Amino acid sequence: IFYKEPSEAPELFTLTLLADPEEGGTPIGGGEYEA
């Protein structure tokens, strides 16, 4: 039986998108991503 060790979870970084003023619009694409 062959076992594969789980790879180390990649480090994720947060992309925060805002609108100024908030009522002016809605940004899309924010989240957590690998470098």
PDB file of all heavy atoms in Angstrom:
ATOM      1  N   ILE A   1       0.870  -1.181   0.000  1.00  0.00           N
ATOM      2  CA  ILE A   1       0.000   0.000   0.000  1.00  0.00           C
ATOM      3  C   ILE A   1       0.903   1.226   0.000  1.00  0.00           C
ATOM      4  O   ILE A   1       1.786   1.346   0.848  1.00  0.00           O
ATOM      5  CB  ILE A   1      -0.924   0.030   1.233  1.00  0.00           C
ATOM      6  CG1 ILE A   1      -1.813  -1.212   1.263  1.00  0.00           C
ATOM      7  CG2 ILE A   1      -1.785   1.293   1.227  1.00  0.00           C
ATOM      8  CD1 ILE A   1      -2.702  -1.291   2.485  1.00  0.00           C
ATOM      9  N   PHE A   2       0.681   2.108  -0.971  1.00  0.00           N
ATOM     10  CA  PHE A   2       1.519   3.301  -1.080  1.00  0.00           C
ATOM     11  C   PHE A   2       0.758   4.500  -0.526  1.00  0.00           C
ATOM     12  O   PHE A   2      -0.377   4.761  -0.899  1.00  0.00           O
ATOM     13  CB  PHE A   2       1.910   3.551  -2.542  1.00  0.00           C
ATOM     14  CG  PHE A   2       2.778   2.471  -3.105  1.00  0.00           C
ATOM     15  CD1 PHE A   2       2.217   1.385  -3.759  1.00  0.00           C
ATOM     16  CD2 PHE A   2       4.155   2.528  -2.961  1.00  0.00           C
ATOM     17  CE1 PHE A   2       3.011   0.374  -4.260  1.00  0.00           C
ATOM     18  CE2 PHE A   2       4.958   1.516  -3.475  1.00  0.00           C
ATOM     19  CZ  PHE A   2       4.383   0.446  -4.121  1.00  0.00           C
ATOM     20  N   TYR A   3       1.384   5.237   0.362  1.00  0.00           N
ATOM     21  CA  TYR A   3       0.789   6.421   0.973  1.00  0.00           C
ATOM     22  C   TYR A   3       1.548   7.656   0.511  1.00  0.00           C
ATOM     23  O   TYR A   3       2.783   7.631   0.403  1.00  0.00           O
ATOM     24  CB  TYR A   3       0.876   6.346   2.507  1.00  0.00           C
ATOM     25  CG  TYR A   3       0.110   5.189   3.108  1.00  0.00           C
ATOM     26  CD1 TYR A   3       0.741   3.970   3.337  1.00  0.00           C
ATOM     27  CD2 TYR A   3      -1.230   5.332   3.439  1.00  0.00           C
ATOM     28  CE1 TYR A   3       0.037   2.904   3.884  1.00  0.00           C
ATOM     29  CE2 TYR A   3      -1.938   4.273   4.000  1.00  0.00           C
ATOM     30  CZ  TYR A   3      -1.300   3.061   4.217  1.00  0.00           C
ATOM     31  OH  TYR A   3      -1.987   2.017   4.761  1.00  0.00           O
ATOM     32  N   LYS A   4       0.789   8.698   0.259  1.00  0.00           N
ATOM     33  CA  LYS A   4       1.400   9.974  -0.113  1.00  0.00           C
ATOM     34  C   LYS A   4       1.205  10.959   1.034  1.00  0.00           C
ATOM     35  O   LYS A   4       0.077  11.217   1.471  1.00  0.00           O
ATOM     36  CB  LYS A   4       0.764  10.552  -1.390  1.00  0.00           C
ATOM     37  CG  LYS A   4       1.377  11.873  -1.818  1.00  0.00           C
ATOM     38  CD  LYS A   4       0.715  12.387  -3.093  1.00  0.00           C
ATOM     39  CE  LYS A   4       1.322  13.705  -3.521  1.00  0.00           C
ATOM     40  NZ  LYS A   4       0.671  14.234  -4.762  1.00  0.00           N
ATOM     41  N   GLU A   5       2.302  11.462   1.529  1.00  0.00           N
ATOM     42  CA  GLU A   5       2.207  12.429   2.616  1.00  0.00           C
ATOM     43  C   GLU A   5       1.495  13.686   2.108  1.00  0.00           C
ATOM     44  O   GLU A   5       1.783  14.164   1.004  1.00  0.00           O
ATOM     45  CB  GLU A   5       3.603  12.813   3.129  1.00  0.00           C
ATOM     46  CG  GLU A   5       4.321  11.681   3.852  1.00  0.00           C
ATOM     47  CD  GLU A   5       3.649  11.338   5.158  1.00  0.00           C
ATOM     48  OE1 GLU A   5       3.002  12.249   5.742  1.00  0.00           O
ATOM     49  OE2 GLU A   5       3.749  10.182   5.593  1.00  0.00           O
ATOM     50  N   PRO A   6       0.541  14.214   2.866  1.00  0.00           N
ATOM     51  CA  PRO A   6      -0.143  15.441   2.423  1.00  0.00           C
ATOM     52  C   PRO A   6       0.835  16.597   2.309  1.00  0.00           C
ATOM     53  O   PRO A   6       1.691  16.793   3.179  1.00  0.00           O
ATOM     54  CB  PRO A   6      -1.172  15.686   3.545  1.00  0.00           C
ATOM     55  CG  PRO A   6      -0.612  14.976   4.736  1.00  0.00           C
ATOM     56  CD  PRO A   6       0.108  13.771   4.201  1.00  0.00           C
ATOM     57  N   SER A   7       0.723  17.314   1.176  1.00  0.00           N
ATOM     58  CA  SER A   7       1.622  18.453   0.980  1.00  0.00           C
ATOM     59  C   SER A   7       1.249  19.573   1.943  1.00  0.00           C
ATOM     60  O   SER A   7       0.106  19.703   2.372  1.00  0.00           O
ATOM     61  CB  SER A   7       1.524  18.962  -0.468  1.00  0.00           C
ATOM     62  OG  SER A   7       0.200  19.349  -0.745  1.00  0.00           O
ATOM     63  N   GLU A   8       2.209  20.395   2.256  1.00  0.00           N
ATOM     64  CA  GLU A   8       1.981  21.506   3.174  1.00  0.00           C
ATOM     65  C   GLU A   8       1.015  22.512   2.545  1.00  0.00           C
ATOM     66  O   GLU A   8       1.139  22.854   1.367  1.00  0.00           O
ATOM     67  CB  GLU A   8       3.309  22.193   3.497  1.00  0.00           C
ATOM     68  CG  GLU A   8       3.187  23.323   4.500  1.00  0.00           C
ATOM     69  CD  GLU A   8       4.528  23.944   4.806  1.00  0.00           C
ATOM     70  OE1 GLU A   8       5.560  23.369   4.410  1.00  0.00           O
ATOM     71  OE2 GLU A   8       4.539  25.011   5.436  1.00  0.00           O
ATOM     72  N   ALA A   9       0.029  22.948   3.300  1.00  0.00           N
ATOM     73  CA  ALA A   9      -0.965  23.895   2.781  1.00  0.00           C
ATOM     74  C   ALA A   9      -0.267  25.186   2.359  1.00  0.00           C
ATOM     75  O   ALA A   9       0.575  25.716   3.089  1.00  0.00           O
ATOM     76  CB  ALA A   9      -2.014  24.183   3.849  1.00  0.00           C
ATOM     77  N   PRO A  10      -0.608  25.704   1.150  1.00  0.00           N
ATOM     78  CA  PRO A  10       0.052  26.939   0.684  1.00  0.00           C
ATOM     79  C   PRO A  10      -0.363  28.136   1.539  1.00  0.00           C
ATOM     80  O   PRO A  10      -1.472  28.187   2.079  1.00  0.00           O
ATOM     81  CB  PRO A  10      -0.473  27.091  -0.746  1.00  0.00           C
ATOM     82  CG  PRO A  10      -1.793  26.373  -0.732  1.00  0.00           C
ATOM     83  CD  PRO A  10      -1.627  25.217   0.198  1.00  0.00           C
ATOM     84  N   GLU A  11       0.529  29.072   1.670  1.00  0.00           N
ATOM     85  CA  GLU A  11       0.228  30.285   2.432  1.00  0.00           C
ATOM     86  C   GLU A  11      -0.662  31.197   1.591  1.00  0.00           C
ATOM     87  O   GLU A  11      -0.383  31.430   0.413  1.00  0.00           O
ATOM     88  CB  GLU A  11       1.514  31.023   2.812  1.00  0.00           C
ATOM     89  CG  GLU A  11       1.278  32.224   3.708  1.00  0.00           C
ATOM     90  CD  GLU A  11       2.554  32.868   4.181  1.00  0.00           C
ATOM     91  OE1 GLU A  11       3.638  32.443   3.710  1.00  0.00           O
ATOM     92  OE2 GLU A  11       2.483  33.787   5.029  1.00  0.00           O
ATOM     93  N   LEU A  12      -1.728  31.650   2.184  1.00  0.00           N
ATOM     94  CA  LEU A  12      -2.674  32.509   1.489  1.00  0.00           C
ATOM     95  C   LEU A  12      -2.607  33.931   2.031  1.00  0.00           C
ATOM     96  O   LEU A  12      -2.375  34.147   3.227  1.00  0.00           O
ATOM     97  CB  LEU A  12      -4.103  31.965   1.643  1.00  0.00           C
ATOM     98  CG  LEU A  12      -4.370  30.559   1.116  1.00  0.00           C
ATOM     99  CD1 LEU A  12      -5.805  30.160   1.383  1.00  0.00           C
ATOM    100  CD2 LEU A  12      -4.047  30.470  -0.373  1.00  0.00           C
ATOM    101  N   PHE A  13      -2.831  34.883   1.129  1.00  0.00           N
ATOM    102  CA  PHE A  13      -2.831  36.301   1.497  1.00  0.00           C
ATOM    103  C   PHE A  13      -4.170  36.910   1.099  1.00  0.00           C
ATOM    104  O   PHE A  13      -4.808  36.483   0.138  1.00  0.00           O
ATOM    105  CB  PHE A  13      -1.679  37.027   0.803  1.00  0.00           C
ATOM    106  CG  PHE A  13      -0.329  36.452   1.153  1.00  0.00           C
ATOM    107  CD1 PHE A  13       0.252  35.490   0.340  1.00  0.00           C
ATOM    108  CD2 PHE A  13       0.325  36.851   2.303  1.00  0.00           C
ATOM    109  CE1 PHE A  13       1.491  34.942   0.668  1.00  0.00           C
ATOM    110  CE2 PHE A  13       1.556  36.302   2.641  1.00  0.00           C
ATOM    111  CZ  PHE A  13       2.142  35.347   1.819  1.00  0.00           C
ATOM    112  N   THR A  14      -4.600  37.899   1.868  1.00  0.00           N
ATOM    113  CA  THR A  14      -5.934  38.476   1.704  1.00  0.00           C
ATOM    114  C   THR A  14      -5.907  39.703   0.799  1.00  0.00           C
ATOM    115  O   THR A  14      -5.115  40.621   1.013  1.00  0.00           O
ATOM    116  CB  THR A  14      -6.529  38.865   3.068  1.00  0.00           C
ATOM    117  OG1 THR A  14      -6.588  37.705   3.901  1.00  0.00           O
ATOM    118  CG2 THR A  14      -7.933  39.426   2.898  1.00  0.00           C
ATOM    119  N   LEU A  15      -6.781  39.690  -0.215  1.00  0.00           N
ATOM    120  CA  LEU A  15      -6.978  40.835  -1.086  1.00  0.00           C
ATOM    121  C   LEU A  15      -8.327  41.450  -0.720  1.00  0.00           C
ATOM    122  O   LEU A  15      -9.377  40.845  -0.941  1.00  0.00           O
ATOM    123  CB  LEU A  15      -6.964  40.421  -2.559  1.00  0.00           C
ATOM    124  CG  LEU A  15      -7.321  41.510  -3.579  1.00  0.00           C
ATOM    125  CD1 LEU A  15      -6.330  42.671  -3.507  1.00  0.00           C
ATOM    126  CD2 LEU A  15      -7.367  40.938  -4.985  1.00  0.00           C
ATOM    127  N   THR A  16      -8.289  42.649  -0.141  1.00  0.00           N
ATOM    128  CA  THR A  16      -9.514  43.346   0.258  1.00  0.00           C
ATOM    129  C   THR A  16      -9.803  44.461  -0.733  1.00  0.00           C
ATOM    130  O   THR A  16      -8.918  45.267  -1.036  1.00  0.00           O
ATOM    131  CB  THR A  16      -9.359  43.949   1.675  1.00  0.00           C
ATOM    132  OG1 THR A  16      -9.056  42.899   2.602  1.00  0.00           O
ATOM    133  CG2 THR A  16     -10.646  44.637   2.112  1.00  0.00           C
ATOM    134  N   LEU A  17     -11.033  44.495  -1.239  1.00  0.00           N
ATOM    135  CA  LEU A  17     -11.447  45.513  -2.200  1.00  0.00           C
ATOM    136  C   LEU A  17     -12.548  46.364  -1.580  1.00  0.00           C
ATOM    137  O   LEU A  17     -13.528  45.841  -1.054  1.00  0.00           O
ATOM    138  CB  LEU A  17     -11.939  44.873  -3.496  1.00  0.00           C
ATOM    139  CG  LEU A  17     -10.944  43.964  -4.229  1.00  0.00           C
ATOM    140  CD1 LEU A  17     -11.583  43.373  -5.476  1.00  0.00           C
ATOM    141  CD2 LEU A  17      -9.671  44.716  -4.583  1.00  0.00           C
ATOM    142  N   LEU A  18     -12.394  47.696  -1.672  1.00  0.00           N
ATOM    143  CA  LEU A  18     -13.354  48.626  -1.105  1.00  0.00           C
ATOM    144  C   LEU A  18     -13.786  49.639  -2.155  1.00  0.00           C
ATOM    145  O   LEU A  18     -13.096  49.830  -3.170  1.00  0.00           O
ATOM    146  CB  LEU A  18     -12.740  49.365   0.094  1.00  0.00           C
ATOM    147  CG  LEU A  18     -12.185  48.513   1.235  1.00  0.00           C
ATOM    148  CD1 LEU A  18     -11.490  49.400   2.266  1.00  0.00           C
ATOM    149  CD2 LEU A  18     -13.279  47.696   1.884  1.00  0.00           C
ATOM    150  N   ALA A  19     -14.917  50.301  -1.907  1.00  0.00           N
ATOM    151  CA  ALA A  19     -15.385  51.401  -2.756  1.00  0.00           C
ATOM    152  C   ALA A  19     -15.551  52.630  -1.881  1.00  0.00           C
ATOM    153  O   ALA A  19     -16.032  52.546  -0.748  1.00  0.00           O
ATOM    154  CB  ALA A  19     -16.712  51.043  -3.414  1.00  0.00           C
ATOM    155  N   ASP A  20     -15.126  53.778  -2.389  1.00  0.00           N
ATOM    156  CA  ASP A  20     -15.244  55.034  -1.660  1.00  0.00           C
ATOM    157  C   ASP A  20     -15.869  56.085  -2.578  1.00  0.00           C
ATOM    158  O   ASP A  20     -15.251  56.503  -3.540  1.00  0.00           O
ATOM    159  CB  ASP A  20     -13.863  55.506  -1.192  1.00  0.00           C
ATOM    160  CG  ASP A  20     -13.934  56.783  -0.361  1.00  0.00           C
ATOM    161  OD1 ASP A  20     -15.044  57.138   0.095  1.00  0.00           O
ATOM    162  OD2 ASP A  20     -12.879  57.429  -0.186  1.00  0.00           O
ATOM    163  N   PRO A  21     -17.140  56.496  -2.293  1.00  0.00           N
ATOM    164  CA  PRO A  21     -18.006  56.052  -1.195  1.00  0.00           C
ATOM    165  C   PRO A  21     -18.570  54.658  -1.451  1.00  0.00           C
ATOM    166  O   PRO A  21     -18.607  54.195  -2.591  1.00  0.00           O
ATOM    167  CB  PRO A  21     -19.101  57.115  -1.184  1.00  0.00           C
ATOM    168  CG  PRO A  21     -19.184  57.565  -2.602  1.00  0.00           C
ATOM    169  CD  PRO A  21     -17.775  57.549  -3.119  1.00  0.00           C
ATOM    170  N   GLU A  22     -19.022  53.999  -0.360  1.00  0.00           N
ATOM    171  CA  GLU A  22     -19.506  52.628  -0.469  1.00  0.00           C
ATOM    172  C   GLU A  22     -20.678  52.509  -1.434  1.00  0.00           C
ATOM    173  O   GLU A  22     -20.801  51.517  -2.151  1.00  0.00           O
ATOM    174  CB  GLU A  22     -19.929  52.113   0.910  1.00  0.00           C
ATOM    175  CG  GLU A  22     -18.767  51.895   1.868  1.00  0.00           C
ATOM    176  CD  GLU A  22     -19.222  51.290   3.167  1.00  0.00           C
ATOM    177  OE1 GLU A  22     -20.405  50.866   3.234  1.00  0.00           O
ATOM    178  OE2 GLU A  22     -18.420  51.231   4.113  1.00  0.00           O
ATOM    179  N   GLU A  23     -21.564  53.542  -1.435  1.00  0.00           N
ATOM    180  CA  GLU A  23     -22.743  53.472  -2.293  1.00  0.00           C
ATOM    181  C   GLU A  23     -22.416  53.717  -3.764  1.00  0.00           C
ATOM    182  O   GLU A  23     -23.275  53.603  -4.634  1.00  0.00           O
ATOM    183  CB  GLU A  23     -23.804  54.478  -1.833  1.00  0.00           C
ATOM    184  CG  GLU A  23     -23.374  55.932  -1.922  1.00  0.00           C
ATOM    185  CD  GLU A  23     -22.672  56.442  -0.684  1.00  0.00           C
ATOM    186  OE1 GLU A  23     -22.188  55.617   0.122  1.00  0.00           O
ATOM    187  OE2 GLU A  23     -22.616  57.676  -0.509  1.00  0.00           O
ATOM    188  N   GLY A  24     -21.157  54.046  -4.056  1.00  0.00           N
ATOM    189  CA  GLY A  24     -20.784  54.352  -5.431  1.00  0.00           C
ATOM    190  C   GLY A  24     -20.627  53.146  -6.333  1.00  0.00           C
ATOM    191  O   GLY A  24     -20.770  53.260  -7.551  1.00  0.00           O
ATOM    192  N   GLY A  25     -20.326  51.983  -5.741  1.00  0.00           N
ATOM    193  CA  GLY A  25     -20.129  50.813  -6.586  1.00  0.00           C
ATOM    194  C   GLY A  25     -19.770  49.589  -5.781  1.00  0.00           C
ATOM    195  O   GLY A  25     -19.602  49.653  -4.558  1.00  0.00           O
ATOM    196  N   THR A  26     -19.623  48.452  -6.485  1.00  0.00           N
ATOM    197  CA  THR A  26     -19.312  47.176  -5.842  1.00  0.00           C
ATOM    198  C   THR A  26     -18.091  46.556  -6.510  1.00  0.00           C
ATOM    199  O   THR A  26     -18.147  46.192  -7.689  1.00  0.00           O
ATOM    200  CB  THR A  26     -20.498  46.206  -5.957  1.00  0.00           C
ATOM    201  OG1 THR A  26     -21.652  46.807  -5.373  1.00  0.00           O
ATOM    202  CG2 THR A  26     -20.193  44.901  -5.259  1.00  0.00           C
ATOM    203  N   PRO A  27     -16.962  46.424  -5.775  1.00  0.00           N
ATOM    204  CA  PRO A  27     -15.783  45.758  -6.340  1.00  0.00           C
ATOM    205  C   PRO A  27     -15.941  44.245  -6.285  1.00  0.00           C
ATOM    206  O   PRO A  27     -16.519  43.707  -5.344  1.00  0.00           O
ATOM    207  CB  PRO A  27     -14.631  46.222  -5.431  1.00  0.00           C
ATOM    208  CG  PRO A  27     -15.214  47.186  -4.452  1.00  0.00           C
ATOM    209  CD  PRO A  27     -16.688  47.004  -4.463  1.00  0.00           C
ATOM    210  N   ILE A  28     -15.403  43.559  -7.285  1.00  0.00           N
ATOM    211  CA  ILE A  28     -15.482  42.104  -7.374  1.00  0.00           C
ATOM    212  C   ILE A  28     -14.075  41.547  -7.573  1.00  0.00           C
ATOM    213  O   ILE A  28     -13.318  42.039  -8.411  1.00  0.00           O
ATOM    214  CB  ILE A  28     -16.381  41.672  -8.540  1.00  0.00           C
ATOM    215  CG1 ILE A  28     -17.805  42.220  -8.349  1.00  0.00           C
ATOM    216  CG2 ILE A  28     -16.419  40.149  -8.673  1.00  0.00           C
ATOM    217  CD1 ILE A  28     -18.697  41.980  -9.540  1.00  0.00           C
ATOM    218  N   GLY A  29     -13.743  40.507  -6.801  1.00  0.00           N
ATOM    219  CA  GLY A  29     -12.439  39.857  -6.959  1.00  0.00           C
ATOM    220  C   GLY A  29     -11.680  39.677  -5.663  1.00  0.00           C
ATOM    221  O   GLY A  29     -10.632  39.025  -5.638  1.00  0.00           O
ATOM    222  N   GLY A  30     -12.167  40.228  -4.568  1.00  0.00           N
ATOM    223  CA  GLY A  30     -11.480  40.085  -3.295  1.00  0.00           C
ATOM    224  C   GLY A  30     -11.525  38.658  -2.785  1.00  0.00           C
ATOM    225  O   GLY A  30     -12.390  37.868  -3.154  1.00  0.00           O
ATOM    226  N   GLY A  31     -10.567  38.307  -1.910  1.00  0.00           N
ATOM    227  CA  GLY A  31     -10.527  36.955  -1.354  1.00  0.00           C
ATOM    228  C   GLY A  31      -9.138  36.609  -0.880  1.00  0.00           C
ATOM    229  O   GLY A  31      -8.287  37.491  -0.694  1.00  0.00           O
ATOM    230  N   GLU A  32      -8.887  35.316  -0.682  1.00  0.00           N
ATOM    231  CA  GLU A  32      -7.586  34.825  -0.246  1.00  0.00           C
ATOM    232  C   GLU A  32      -6.908  34.103  -1.404  1.00  0.00           C
ATOM    233  O   GLU A  32      -7.520  33.240  -2.051  1.00  0.00           O
ATOM    234  CB  GLU A  32      -7.738  33.889   0.951  1.00  0.00           C
ATOM    235  CG  GLU A  32      -8.241  34.595   2.209  1.00  0.00           C
ATOM    236  CD  GLU A  32      -8.251  33.672   3.407  1.00  0.00           C
ATOM    237  OE1 GLU A  32      -8.382  32.440   3.213  1.00  0.00           O
ATOM    238  OE2 GLU A  32      -8.119  34.179   4.541  1.00  0.00           O
ATOM    239  N   TYR A  33      -5.634  34.449  -1.643  1.00  0.00           N
ATOM    240  CA  TYR A  33      -4.918  33.902  -2.793  1.00  0.00           C
ATOM    241  C   TYR A  33      -3.468  33.600  -2.436  1.00  0.00           C
ATOM    242  O   TYR A  33      -2.890  34.217  -1.536  1.00  0.00           O
ATOM    243  CB  TYR A  33      -4.941  34.899  -3.965  1.00  0.00           C
ATOM    244  CG  TYR A  33      -6.322  35.281  -4.429  1.00  0.00           C
ATOM    245  CD1 TYR A  33      -6.932  36.451  -3.965  1.00  0.00           C
ATOM    246  CD2 TYR A  33      -7.025  34.488  -5.321  1.00  0.00           C
ATOM    247  CE1 TYR A  33      -8.202  36.821  -4.393  1.00  0.00           C
ATOM    248  CE2 TYR A  33      -8.295  34.842  -5.755  1.00  0.00           C
ATOM    249  CZ  TYR A  33      -8.879  36.009  -5.285  1.00  0.00           C
ATOM    250  OH  TYR A  33     -10.137  36.373  -5.701  1.00  0.00           O
ATOM    251  N   GLU A  34      -2.902  32.654  -3.177  1.00  0.00           N
ATOM    252  CA  GLU A  34      -1.465  32.409  -3.074  1.00  0.00           C
ATOM    253  C   GLU A  34      -0.707  33.542  -3.764  1.00  0.00           C
ATOM    254  O   GLU A  34      -1.223  34.166  -4.701  1.00  0.00           O
ATOM    255  CB  GLU A  34      -1.108  31.092  -3.751  1.00  0.00           C
ATOM    256  CG  GLU A  34      -1.626  29.854  -3.074  1.00  0.00           C
ATOM    257  CD  GLU A  34      -1.152  28.606  -3.783  1.00  0.00           C
ATOM    258  OE1 GLU A  34       0.084  28.433  -3.926  1.00  0.00           O
ATOM    259  OE2 GLU A  34      -1.994  27.809  -4.226  1.00  0.00           O
ATOM    260  N   ALA A  35       0.492  33.782  -3.320  1.00  0.00           N
ATOM    261  CA  ALA A  35       1.333  34.778  -3.969  1.00  0.00           C
ATOM    262  C   ALA A  35       1.575  34.358  -5.419  1.00  0.00           C
ATOM    263  O   ALA A  35       1.804  33.186  -5.706  1.00  0.00           O
ATOM    264  CB  ALA A  35       2.658  34.921  -3.233  1.00  0.00           C
TER     265      ALA A  35
END
